Amino acid sequence: ADKILSNFGMDVLDALSGTCTLWVMGRKPLLHVMADTCVAFSVVTLHAIMLMCQALVLAVVFNSKRNGLLALLIANNFVEIKGAVFKRWDVERIRSLTWMDAVERFHL
């Protein structure tokens, strides 16, 4: 969901930039600029809320005494981790790979 919102947000901001440029040239009315600004604000706010929720979940995973959420994160990334397991890496290297992957997924 993060990558989708990120890409959509970039497209919306590009559209807003183009609309502002056309408004300055006198080719678009102010109403179009205001509409694009509202859409851009909504998308950026939604993306920020989603990133904060991901950070909250990651903080709970790291600070939890139980390993249920960590197991869920690992299970969701099992395909990537499976390739590393069969290369005969030691346990510490696989553990660090798992942590790096979890952090990468949450963009911290």
PDB file of N, CA and C in Angstrom:
ATOM      1  N   ALA A   1       0.822  -1.188   0.000  1.00  0.00           N
ATOM      2  CA  ALA A   1       0.000   0.000   0.000  1.00  0.00           C
ATOM      3  C   ALA A   1       0.875   1.265   0.000  1.00  0.00           C
ATOM      4  N   ASP A   2       2.038   1.154   0.653  1.00  0.00           N
ATOM      5  CA  ASP A   2       2.921   2.315   0.725  1.00  0.00           C
ATOM      6  C   ASP A   2       3.426   2.704  -0.653  1.00  0.00           C
ATOM      7  N   LYS A   3       3.853   1.723  -1.422  1.00  0.00           N
ATOM      8  CA  LYS A   3       4.392   2.032  -2.746  1.00  0.00           C
ATOM      9  C   LYS A   3       3.300   2.563  -3.675  1.00  0.00           C
ATOM     10  N   ILE A   4       2.093   2.037  -3.529  1.00  0.00           N
ATOM     11  CA  ILE A   4       0.991   2.519  -4.357  1.00  0.00           C
ATOM     12  C   ILE A   4       0.691   3.977  -4.029  1.00  0.00           C
ATOM     13  N   LEU A   5       0.570   4.276  -2.725  1.00  0.00           N
ATOM     14  CA  LEU A   5       0.295   5.661  -2.336  1.00  0.00           C
ATOM     15  C   LEU A   5       1.455   6.585  -2.701  1.00  0.00           C
ATOM     16  N   SER A   6       2.664   6.091  -2.587  1.00  0.00           N
ATOM     17  CA  SER A   6       3.828   6.907  -2.937  1.00  0.00           C
ATOM     18  C   SER A   6       3.812   7.252  -4.425  1.00  0.00           C
ATOM     19  N   ASN A   7       3.591   6.259  -5.261  1.00  0.00           N
ATOM     20  CA  ASN A   7       3.556   6.512  -6.708  1.00  0.00           C
ATOM     21  C   ASN A   7       2.369   7.388  -7.090  1.00  0.00           C
ATOM     22  N   PHE A   8       1.211   7.114  -6.497  1.00  0.00           N
ATOM     23  CA  PHE A   8       0.034   7.930  -6.789  1.00  0.00           C
ATOM     24  C   PHE A   8       0.252   9.361  -6.313  1.00  0.00           C
ATOM     25  N   GLY A   9       0.880   9.514  -5.148  1.00  0.00           N
ATOM     26  CA  GLY A   9       1.176  10.856  -4.628  1.00  0.00           C
ATOM     27  C   GLY A   9       2.112  11.628  -5.532  1.00  0.00           C
ATOM     28  N   MET A  10       3.108  10.948  -6.075  1.00  0.00           N
ATOM     29  CA  MET A  10       4.017  11.615  -7.008  1.00  0.00           C
ATOM     30  C   MET A  10       3.271  12.080  -8.264  1.00  0.00           C
ATOM     31  N   ASP A  11       2.380  11.236  -8.765  1.00  0.00           N
ATOM     32  CA  ASP A  11       1.592  11.621  -9.939  1.00  0.00           C
ATOM     33  C   ASP A  11       0.690  12.806  -9.635  1.00  0.00           C
ATOM     34  N   VAL A  12       0.071  12.791  -8.458  1.00  0.00           N
ATOM     35  CA  VAL A  12      -0.819  13.896  -8.076  1.00  0.00           C
ATOM     36  C   VAL A  12      -0.027  15.192  -7.928  1.00  0.00           C
ATOM     37  N   LEU A  13       1.150  15.110  -7.319  1.00  0.00           N
ATOM     38  CA  LEU A  13       1.969  16.317  -7.159  1.00  0.00           C
ATOM     39  C   LEU A  13       2.486  16.823  -8.507  1.00  0.00           C
ATOM     40  N   ASP A  14       2.803  15.904  -9.416  1.00  0.00           N
ATOM     41  CA  ASP A  14       3.183  16.320 -10.778  1.00  0.00           C
ATOM     42  C   ASP A  14       2.025  17.024 -11.473  1.00  0.00           C
ATOM     43  N   ALA A  15       0.822  16.487 -11.305  1.00  0.00           N
ATOM     44  CA  ALA A  15      -0.354  17.119 -11.902  1.00  0.00           C
ATOM     45  C   ALA A  15      -0.595  18.504 -11.297  1.00  0.00           C
ATOM     46  N   LEU A  16      -0.397  18.619  -9.979  1.00  0.00           N
ATOM     47  CA  LEU A  16      -0.547  19.917  -9.328  1.00  0.00           C
ATOM     48  C   LEU A  16       0.477  20.914  -9.851  1.00  0.00           C
ATOM     49  N   SER A  17       1.703  20.450 -10.048  1.00  0.00           N
ATOM     50  CA  SER A  17       2.742  21.321 -10.588  1.00  0.00           C
ATOM     51  C   SER A  17       2.371  21.811 -11.993  1.00  0.00           C
ATOM     52  N   GLY A  18       1.888  20.889 -12.824  1.00  0.00           N
ATOM     53  CA  GLY A  18       1.476  21.281 -14.176  1.00  0.00           C
ATOM     54  C   GLY A  18       0.298  22.240 -14.165  1.00  0.00           C
ATOM     55  N   THR A  19      -0.658  21.991 -13.273  1.00  0.00           N
ATOM     56  CA  THR A  19      -1.809  22.877 -13.176  1.00  0.00           C
ATOM     57  C   THR A  19      -1.389  24.264 -12.719  1.00  0.00           C
ATOM     58  N   CYS A  20      -0.471  24.343 -11.754  1.00  0.00           N
ATOM     59  CA  CYS A  20       0.009  25.646 -11.286  1.00  0.00           C
ATOM     60  C   CYS A  20       0.741  26.393 -12.396  1.00  0.00           C
ATOM     61  N   THR A  21       1.535  25.661 -13.163  1.00  0.00           N
ATOM     62  CA  THR A  21       2.249  26.286 -14.276  1.00  0.00           C
ATOM     63  C   THR A  21       1.264  26.842 -15.305  1.00  0.00           C
ATOM     64  N   LEU A  22       0.249  26.045 -15.631  1.00  0.00           N
ATOM     65  CA  LEU A  22      -0.750  26.511 -16.593  1.00  0.00           C
ATOM     66  C   LEU A  22      -1.577  27.660 -16.032  1.00  0.00           C
ATOM     67  N   TRP A  23      -1.811  27.670 -14.725  1.00  0.00           N
ATOM     68  CA  TRP A  23      -2.552  28.774 -14.105  1.00  0.00           C
ATOM     69  C   TRP A  23      -1.762  30.075 -14.186  1.00  0.00           C
ATOM     70  N   VAL A  24      -0.434  29.979 -13.953  1.00  0.00           N
ATOM     71  CA  VAL A  24       0.410  31.168 -14.042  1.00  0.00           C
ATOM     72  C   VAL A  24       0.409  31.709 -15.470  1.00  0.00           C
ATOM     73  N   MET A  25       0.360  30.824 -16.460  1.00  0.00           N
ATOM     74  CA  MET A  25       0.324  31.254 -17.856  1.00  0.00           C
ATOM     75  C   MET A  25      -1.062  31.742 -18.269  1.00  0.00           C
ATOM     76  N   GLY A  26      -2.049  31.532 -17.411  1.00  0.00           N
ATOM     77  CA  GLY A  26      -3.393  31.998 -17.715  1.00  0.00           C
ATOM     78  C   GLY A  26      -4.238  31.004 -18.478  1.00  0.00           C
ATOM     79  N   ARG A  27      -3.820  29.741 -18.566  1.00  0.00           N
ATOM     80  CA  ARG A  27      -4.557  28.743 -19.336  1.00  0.00           C
ATOM     81  C   ARG A  27      -5.526  27.915 -18.496  1.00  0.00           C
ATOM     82  N   LYS A  28      -5.399  27.940 -17.168  1.00  0.00           N
ATOM     83  CA  LYS A  28      -6.281  27.175 -16.276  1.00  0.00           C
ATOM     84  C   LYS A  28      -6.904  28.117 -15.257  1.00  0.00           C
ATOM     85  N   PRO A  29      -8.164  27.891 -14.892  1.00  0.00           N
ATOM     86  CA  PRO A  29      -8.779  28.729 -13.861  1.00  0.00           C
ATOM     87  C   PRO A  29      -8.276  28.342 -12.469  1.00  0.00           C
ATOM     88  N   LEU A  30      -8.471  29.233 -11.526  1.00  0.00           N
ATOM     89  CA  LEU A  30      -8.037  29.013 -10.148  1.00  0.00           C
ATOM     90  C   LEU A  30      -8.751  27.824  -9.522  1.00  0.00           C
ATOM     91  N   LEU A  31      -9.946  27.533  -9.975  1.00  0.00           N
ATOM     92  CA  LEU A  31     -10.709  26.403  -9.443  1.00  0.00           C
ATOM     93  C   LEU A  31      -9.976  25.078  -9.665  1.00  0.00           C
ATOM     94  N   HIS A  32      -9.313  24.926 -10.804  1.00  0.00           N
ATOM     95  CA  HIS A  32      -8.553  23.704 -11.082  1.00  0.00           C
ATOM     96  C   HIS A  32      -7.369  23.575 -10.136  1.00  0.00           C
ATOM     97  N   VAL A  33      -6.709  24.693  -9.856  1.00  0.00           N
ATOM     98  CA  VAL A  33      -5.574  24.681  -8.930  1.00  0.00           C
ATOM     99  C   VAL A  33      -6.048  24.296  -7.530  1.00  0.00           C
ATOM    100  N   MET A  34      -7.181  24.856  -7.113  1.00  0.00           N
ATOM    101  CA  MET A  34      -7.707  24.551  -5.786  1.00  0.00           C
ATOM    102  C   MET A  34      -8.133  23.082  -5.687  1.00  0.00           C
ATOM    103  N   ALA A  35      -8.735  22.552  -6.731  1.00  0.00           N
ATOM    104  CA  ALA A  35      -9.147  21.147  -6.727  1.00  0.00           C
ATOM    105  C   ALA A  35      -7.930  20.221  -6.669  1.00  0.00           C
ATOM    106  N   ASP A  36      -6.915  20.501  -7.477  1.00  0.00           N
ATOM    107  CA  ASP A  36      -5.692  19.691  -7.448  1.00  0.00           C
ATOM    108  C   ASP A  36      -4.988  19.798  -6.097  1.00  0.00           C
ATOM    109  N   THR A  37      -5.020  20.971  -5.490  1.00  0.00           N
ATOM    110  CA  THR A  37      -4.402  21.151  -4.178  1.00  0.00           C
ATOM    111  C   THR A  37      -5.124  20.321  -3.123  1.00  0.00           C
ATOM    112  N   CYS A  38      -6.440  20.289  -3.175  1.00  0.00           N
ATOM    113  CA  CYS A  38      -7.211  19.479  -2.215  1.00  0.00           C
ATOM    114  C   CYS A  38      -6.925  17.989  -2.384  1.00  0.00           C
ATOM    115  N   VAL A  39      -6.855  17.531  -3.624  1.00  0.00           N
ATOM    116  CA  VAL A  39      -6.548  16.122  -3.879  1.00  0.00           C
ATOM    117  C   VAL A  39      -5.132  15.795  -3.402  1.00  0.00           C
ATOM    118  N   ALA A  40      -4.168  16.664  -3.693  1.00  0.00           N
ATOM    119  CA  ALA A  40      -2.785  16.435  -3.267  1.00  0.00           C
ATOM    120  C   ALA A  40      -2.678  16.414  -1.746  1.00  0.00           C
ATOM    121  N   PHE A  41      -3.354  17.333  -1.087  1.00  0.00           N
ATOM    122  CA  PHE A  41      -3.337  17.368   0.375  1.00  0.00           C
ATOM    123  C   PHE A  41      -3.923  16.085   0.948  1.00  0.00           C
ATOM    124  N   SER A  42      -5.010  15.610   0.363  1.00  0.00           N
ATOM    125  CA  SER A  42      -5.649  14.380   0.842  1.00  0.00           C
ATOM    126  C   SER A  42      -4.735  13.174   0.678  1.00  0.00           C
ATOM    127  N   VAL A  43      -4.107  13.059  -0.474  1.00  0.00           N
ATOM    128  CA  VAL A  43      -3.231  11.911  -0.733  1.00  0.00           C
ATOM    129  C   VAL A  43      -2.007  11.949   0.180  1.00  0.00           C
ATOM    130  N   VAL A  44      -1.404  13.114   0.336  1.00  0.00           N
ATOM    131  CA  VAL A  44      -0.224  13.231   1.195  1.00  0.00           C
ATOM    132  C   VAL A  44      -0.589  12.939   2.650  1.00  0.00           C
ATOM    133  N   THR A  45      -1.740  13.416   3.100  1.00  0.00           N
ATOM    134  CA  THR A  45      -2.184  13.144   4.472  1.00  0.00           C
ATOM    135  C   THR A  45      -2.455  11.663   4.672  1.00  0.00           C
ATOM    136  N   LEU A  46      -3.125  11.024   3.732  1.00  0.00           N
ATOM    137  CA  LEU A  46      -3.395   9.592   3.823  1.00  0.00           C
ATOM    138  C   LEU A  46      -2.101   8.792   3.851  1.00  0.00           C
ATOM    139  N   HIS A  47      -1.140   9.169   3.032  1.00  0.00           N
ATOM    140  CA  HIS A  47       0.146   8.478   3.005  1.00  0.00           C
ATOM    141  C   HIS A  47       0.892   8.663   4.337  1.00  0.00           C
ATOM    142  N   ALA A  48       0.841   9.857   4.895  1.00  0.00           N
ATOM    143  CA  ALA A  48       1.496  10.114   6.183  1.00  0.00           C
ATOM    144  C   ALA A  48       0.854   9.286   7.299  1.00  0.00           C
ATOM    145  N   ILE A  49      -0.460   9.193   7.294  1.00  0.00           N
ATOM    146  CA  ILE A  49      -1.154   8.386   8.311  1.00  0.00           C
ATOM    147  C   ILE A  49      -0.777   6.918   8.174  1.00  0.00           C
ATOM    148  N   MET A  50      -0.698   6.437   6.931  1.00  0.00           N
ATOM    149  CA  MET A  50      -0.324   5.043   6.720  1.00  0.00           C
ATOM    150  C   MET A  50       1.098   4.762   7.182  1.00  0.00           C
ATOM    151  N   LEU A  51       2.017   5.684   6.921  1.00  0.00           N
ATOM    152  CA  LEU A  51       3.397   5.507   7.376  1.00  0.00           C
ATOM    153  C   LEU A  51       3.496   5.534   8.897  1.00  0.00           C
ATOM    154  N   MET A  52       2.711   6.384   9.536  1.00  0.00           N
ATOM    155  CA  MET A  52       2.703   6.414  11.002  1.00  0.00           C
ATOM    156  C   MET A  52       2.147   5.118  11.581  1.00  0.00           C
ATOM    157  N   CYS A  53       1.146   4.551  10.948  1.00  0.00           N
ATOM    158  CA  CYS A  53       0.616   3.259  11.400  1.00  0.00           C
ATOM    159  C   CYS A  53       1.655   2.157  11.234  1.00  0.00           C
ATOM    160  N   GLN A  54       2.382   2.175  10.128  1.00  0.00           N
ATOM    161  CA  GLN A  54       3.444   1.188   9.934  1.00  0.00           C
ATOM    162  C   GLN A  54       4.533   1.348  10.992  1.00  0.00           C
ATOM    163  N   ALA A  55       4.907   2.575  11.301  1.00  0.00           N
ATOM    164  CA  ALA A  55       5.916   2.810  12.330  1.00  0.00           C
ATOM    165  C   ALA A  55       5.421   2.348  13.701  1.00  0.00           C
ATOM    166  N   LEU A  56       4.152   2.561  13.973  1.00  0.00           N
ATOM    167  CA  LEU A  56       3.573   2.115  15.238  1.00  0.00           C
ATOM    168  C   LEU A  56       3.606   0.599  15.343  1.00  0.00           C
ATOM    169  N   VAL A  57       3.229  -0.090  14.275  1.00  0.00           N
ATOM    170  CA  VAL A  57       3.262  -1.552  14.285  1.00  0.00           C
ATOM    171  C   VAL A  57       4.692  -2.054  14.457  1.00  0.00           C
ATOM    172  N   LEU A  58       5.634  -1.429  13.783  1.00  0.00           N
ATOM    173  CA  LEU A  58       7.027  -1.843  13.908  1.00  0.00           C
ATOM    174  C   LEU A  58       7.542  -1.615  15.324  1.00  0.00           C
ATOM    175  N   ALA A  59       7.172  -0.513  15.958  1.00  0.00           N
ATOM    176  CA  ALA A  59       7.580  -0.256  17.339  1.00  0.00           C
ATOM    177  C   ALA A  59       6.981  -1.297  18.285  1.00  0.00           C
ATOM    178  N   VAL A  60       5.737  -1.662  18.046  1.00  0.00           N
ATOM    179  CA  VAL A  60       5.102  -2.693  18.882  1.00  0.00           C
ATOM    180  C   VAL A  60       5.809  -4.025  18.695  1.00  0.00           C
ATOM    181  N   VAL A  61       6.174  -4.352  17.460  1.00  0.00           N
ATOM    182  CA  VAL A  61       6.871  -5.615  17.195  1.00  0.00           C
ATOM    183  C   VAL A  61       8.208  -5.654  17.926  1.00  0.00           C
ATOM    184  N   PHE A  62       8.967  -4.573  17.850  1.00  0.00           N
ATOM    185  CA  PHE A  62      10.284  -4.563  18.465  1.00  0.00           C
ATOM    186  C   PHE A  62      10.217  -4.547  19.982  1.00  0.00           C
ATOM    187  N   ASN A  63       9.167  -3.953  20.550  1.00  0.00           N
ATOM    188  CA  ASN A  63       9.076  -3.836  22.004  1.00  0.00           C
ATOM    189  C   ASN A  63       8.190  -4.891  22.647  1.00  0.00           C
ATOM    190  N   SER A  64       7.638  -5.792  21.881  1.00  0.00           N
ATOM    191  CA  SER A  64       6.734  -6.807  22.410  1.00  0.00           C
ATOM    192  C   SER A  64       7.524  -7.931  23.071  1.00  0.00           C
ATOM    193  N   LYS A  65       6.994  -8.421  24.176  1.00  0.00           N
ATOM    194  CA  LYS A  65       7.621  -9.558  24.851  1.00  0.00           C
ATOM    195  C   LYS A  65       7.265 -10.862  24.144  1.00  0.00           C
ATOM    196  N   ARG A  66       6.141 -10.866  23.474  1.00  0.00           N
ATOM    197  CA  ARG A  66       5.736 -12.045  22.710  1.00  0.00           C
ATOM    198  C   ARG A  66       6.253 -11.902  21.288  1.00  0.00           C
ATOM    199  N   ASN A  67       6.434 -13.010  20.638  1.00  0.00           N
ATOM    200  CA  ASN A  67       6.999 -12.988  19.294  1.00  0.00           C
ATOM    201  C   ASN A  67       5.952 -13.205  18.212  1.00  0.00           C
ATOM    202  N   GLY A  68       4.677 -13.034  18.537  1.00  0.00           N
ATOM    203  CA  GLY A  68       3.614 -13.283  17.566  1.00  0.00           C
ATOM    204  C   GLY A  68       3.662 -12.356  16.372  1.00  0.00           C
ATOM    205  N   LEU A  69       3.800 -11.047  16.617  1.00  0.00           N
ATOM    206  CA  LEU A  69       3.840 -10.102  15.498  1.00  0.00           C
ATOM    207  C   LEU A  69       5.117 -10.241  14.685  1.00  0.00           C
ATOM    208  N   LEU A  70       6.220 -10.519  15.372  1.00  0.00           N
ATOM    209  CA  LEU A  70       7.473 -10.737  14.653  1.00  0.00           C
ATOM    210  C   LEU A  70       7.359 -11.966  13.765  1.00  0.00           C
ATOM    211  N   ALA A  71       6.726 -13.010  14.286  1.00  0.00           N
ATOM    212  CA  ALA A  71       6.523 -14.216  13.477  1.00  0.00           C
ATOM    213  C   ALA A  71       5.637 -13.907  12.275  1.00  0.00           C
ATOM    214  N   LEU A  72       4.645 -13.046  12.459  1.00  0.00           N
ATOM    215  CA  LEU A  72       3.782 -12.665  11.343  1.00  0.00           C
ATOM    216  C   LEU A  72       4.562 -11.902  10.276  1.00  0.00           C
ATOM    217  N   LEU A  73       5.419 -10.972  10.700  1.00  0.00           N
ATOM    218  CA  LEU A  73       6.251 -10.254   9.731  1.00  0.00           C
ATOM    219  C   LEU A  73       7.185 -11.195   8.988  1.00  0.00           C
ATOM    220  N   ILE A  74       7.775 -12.132   9.721  1.00  0.00           N
ATOM    221  CA  ILE A  74       8.687 -13.090   9.088  1.00  0.00           C
ATOM    222  C   ILE A  74       7.920 -13.999   8.136  1.00  0.00           C
ATOM    223  N   ALA A  75       6.725 -14.433   8.537  1.00  0.00           N
ATOM    224  CA  ALA A  75       5.926 -15.300   7.673  1.00  0.00           C
ATOM    225  C   ALA A  75       5.532 -14.585   6.389  1.00  0.00           C
ATOM    226  N   ASN A  76       5.238 -13.296   6.483  1.00  0.00           N
ATOM    227  CA  ASN A  76       4.881 -12.542   5.275  1.00  0.00           C
ATOM    228  C   ASN A  76       6.070 -12.389   4.336  1.00  0.00           C
ATOM    229  N   ASN A  77       7.261 -12.415   4.878  1.00  0.00           N
ATOM    230  CA  ASN A  77       8.466 -12.251   4.062  1.00  0.00           C
ATOM    231  C   ASN A  77       9.187 -13.582   3.851  1.00  0.00           C
ATOM    232  N   PHE A  78       8.482 -14.694   4.025  1.00  0.00           N
ATOM    233  CA  PHE A  78       9.132 -15.997   3.993  1.00  0.00           C
ATOM    234  C   PHE A  78       9.767 -16.302   2.652  1.00  0.00           C
ATOM    235  N   VAL A  79       9.172 -15.863   1.579  1.00  0.00           N
ATOM    236  CA  VAL A  79       9.721 -16.156   0.255  1.00  0.00           C
ATOM    237  C   VAL A  79      11.116 -15.564   0.113  1.00  0.00           C
ATOM    238  N   GLU A  80      11.298 -14.329   0.576  1.00  0.00           N
ATOM    239  CA  GLU A  80      12.614 -13.703   0.493  1.00  0.00           C
ATOM    240  C   GLU A  80      13.604 -14.369   1.435  1.00  0.00           C
ATOM    241  N   ILE A  81      13.132 -14.721   2.626  1.00  0.00           N
ATOM    242  CA  ILE A  81      14.023 -15.316   3.631  1.00  0.00           C
ATOM    243  C   ILE A  81      14.382 -16.751   3.254  1.00  0.00           C
ATOM    244  N   LYS A  82      13.463 -17.463   2.603  1.00  0.00           N
ATOM    245  CA  LYS A  82      13.696 -18.855   2.240  1.00  0.00           C
ATOM    246  C   LYS A  82      14.929 -18.987   1.351  1.00  0.00           C
ATOM    247  N   GLY A  83      15.095 -18.073   0.418  1.00  0.00           N
ATOM    248  CA  GLY A  83      16.267 -18.121  -0.446  1.00  0.00           C
ATOM    249  C   GLY A  83      17.561 -17.958   0.336  1.00  0.00           C
ATOM    250  N   ALA A  84      17.520 -17.152   1.397  1.00  0.00           N
ATOM    251  CA  ALA A  84      18.707 -16.960   2.224  1.00  0.00           C
ATOM    252  C   ALA A  84      18.998 -18.181   3.083  1.00  0.00           C
ATOM    253  N   VAL A  85      17.970 -18.865   3.537  1.00  0.00           N
ATOM    254  CA  VAL A  85      18.159 -20.029   4.410  1.00  0.00           C
ATOM    255  C   VAL A  85      18.862 -21.145   3.670  1.00  0.00           C
ATOM    256  N   PHE A  86      18.517 -21.353   2.417  1.00  0.00           N
ATOM    257  CA  PHE A  86      19.098 -22.461   1.675  1.00  0.00           C
ATOM    258  C   PHE A  86      20.508 -22.176   1.177  1.00  0.00           C
ATOM    259  N   LYS A  87      21.019 -20.988   1.426  1.00  0.00           N
ATOM    260  CA  LYS A  87      22.399 -20.682   1.060  1.00  0.00           C
ATOM    261  C   LYS A  87      23.367 -20.982   2.201  1.00  0.00           C
ATOM    262  N   ARG A  88      22.892 -21.610   3.257  1.00  0.00           N
ATOM    263  CA  ARG A  88      23.686 -22.021   4.419  1.00  0.00           C
ATOM    264  C   ARG A  88      24.320 -20.843   5.134  1.00  0.00           C
ATOM    265  N   TRP A  89      23.545 -19.825   5.354  1.00  0.00           N
ATOM    266  CA  TRP A  89      24.023 -18.702   6.144  1.00  0.00           C
ATOM    267  C   TRP A  89      23.881 -19.041   7.616  1.00  0.00           C
ATOM    268  N   ASP A  90      24.688 -18.424   8.437  1.00  0.00           N
ATOM    269  CA  ASP A  90      24.553 -18.663   9.872  1.00  0.00           C
ATOM    270  C   ASP A  90      23.315 -17.936  10.403  1.00  0.00           C
ATOM    271  N   VAL A  91      22.902 -18.305  11.599  1.00  0.00           N
ATOM    272  CA  VAL A  91      21.655 -17.801  12.177  1.00  0.00           C
ATOM    273  C   VAL A  91      21.707 -16.285  12.373  1.00  0.00           C
ATOM    274  N   GLU A  92      22.829 -15.764  12.797  1.00  0.00           N
ATOM    275  CA  GLU A  92      22.935 -14.317  13.045  1.00  0.00           C
ATOM    276  C   GLU A  92      22.780 -13.524  11.751  1.00  0.00           C
ATOM    277  N   ARG A  93      23.309 -14.026  10.677  1.00  0.00           N
ATOM    278  CA  ARG A  93      23.180 -13.326   9.397  1.00  0.00           C
ATOM    279  C   ARG A  93      21.732 -13.331   8.917  1.00  0.00           C
ATOM    280  N   ILE A  94      21.041 -14.450   9.097  1.00  0.00           N
ATOM    281  CA  ILE A  94      19.630 -14.516   8.709  1.00  0.00           C
ATOM    282  C   ILE A  94      18.800 -13.593   9.586  1.00  0.00           C
ATOM    283  N   ARG A  95      19.123 -13.551  10.881  1.00  0.00           N
ATOM    284  CA  ARG A  95      18.400 -12.658  11.802  1.00  0.00           C
ATOM    285  C   ARG A  95      18.588 -11.203  11.387  1.00  0.00           C
ATOM    286  N   SER A  96      19.817 -10.810  11.079  1.00  0.00           N
ATOM    287  CA  SER A  96      20.054  -9.427  10.659  1.00  0.00           C
ATOM    288  C   SER A  96      19.364  -9.132   9.329  1.00  0.00           C
ATOM    289  N   LEU A  97      19.318 -10.102   8.428  1.00  0.00           N
ATOM    290  CA  LEU A  97      18.603  -9.931   7.165  1.00  0.00           C
ATOM    291  C   LEU A  97      17.114  -9.699   7.424  1.00  0.00           C
ATOM    292  N   THR A  98      16.560 -10.453   8.358  1.00  0.00           N
ATOM    293  CA  THR A  98      15.141 -10.308   8.689  1.00  0.00           C
ATOM    294  C   THR A  98      14.857  -8.933   9.258  1.00  0.00           C
ATOM    295  N   TRP A  99      15.712  -8.456  10.180  1.00  0.00           N
ATOM    296  CA  TRP A  99      15.508  -7.127  10.765  1.00  0.00           C
ATOM    297  C   TRP A  99      15.639  -6.038   9.698  1.00  0.00           C
ATOM    298  N   MET A 100      16.648  -6.164   8.843  1.00  0.00           N
ATOM    299  CA  MET A 100      16.824  -5.162   7.786  1.00  0.00           C
ATOM    300  C   MET A 100      15.635  -5.139   6.846  1.00  0.00           C
ATOM    301  N   ASP A 101      15.097  -6.330   6.531  1.00  0.00           N
ATOM    302  CA  ASP A 101      13.941  -6.396   5.655  1.00  0.00           C
ATOM    303  C   ASP A 101      12.712  -5.769   6.299  1.00  0.00           C
ATOM    304  N   ALA A 102      12.523  -6.009   7.598  1.00  0.00           N
ATOM    305  CA  ALA A 102      11.386  -5.421   8.304  1.00  0.00           C
ATOM    306  C   ALA A 102      11.510  -3.898   8.340  1.00  0.00           C
ATOM    307  N   VAL A 103      12.720  -3.403   8.614  1.00  0.00           N
ATOM    308  CA  VAL A 103      12.935  -1.966   8.646  1.00  0.00           C
ATOM    309  C   VAL A 103      12.743  -1.369   7.260  1.00  0.00           C
ATOM    310  N   GLU A 104      13.224  -2.061   6.227  1.00  0.00           N
ATOM    311  CA  GLU A 104      13.065  -1.573   4.869  1.00  0.00           C
ATOM    312  C   GLU A 104      11.594  -1.493   4.468  1.00  0.00           C
ATOM    313  N   ARG A 105      10.818  -2.460   4.892  1.00  0.00           N
ATOM    314  CA  ARG A 105       9.399  -2.466   4.551  1.00  0.00           C
ATOM    315  C   ARG A 105       8.661  -1.319   5.206  1.00  0.00           C
ATOM    316  N   PHE A 106       9.140  -0.893   6.374  1.00  0.00           N
ATOM    317  CA  PHE A 106       8.487   0.212   7.081  1.00  0.00           C
ATOM    318  C   PHE A 106       9.180   1.525   6.855  1.00  0.00           C
ATOM    319  N   HIS A 107      10.229   1.552   6.025  1.00  0.00           N
ATOM    320  CA  HIS A 107      10.924   2.786   5.630  1.00  0.00           C
ATOM    321  C   HIS A 107      11.377   3.616   6.818  1.00  0.00           C
ATOM    322  N   LEU A 108      12.042   2.980   7.766  1.00  0.00           N
ATOM    323  CA  LEU A 108      12.569   3.737   8.916  1.00  0.00           C
ATOM    324  C   LEU A 108      14.052   3.920   8.769  1.00  0.00           C
TER     325      LEU A 108
END
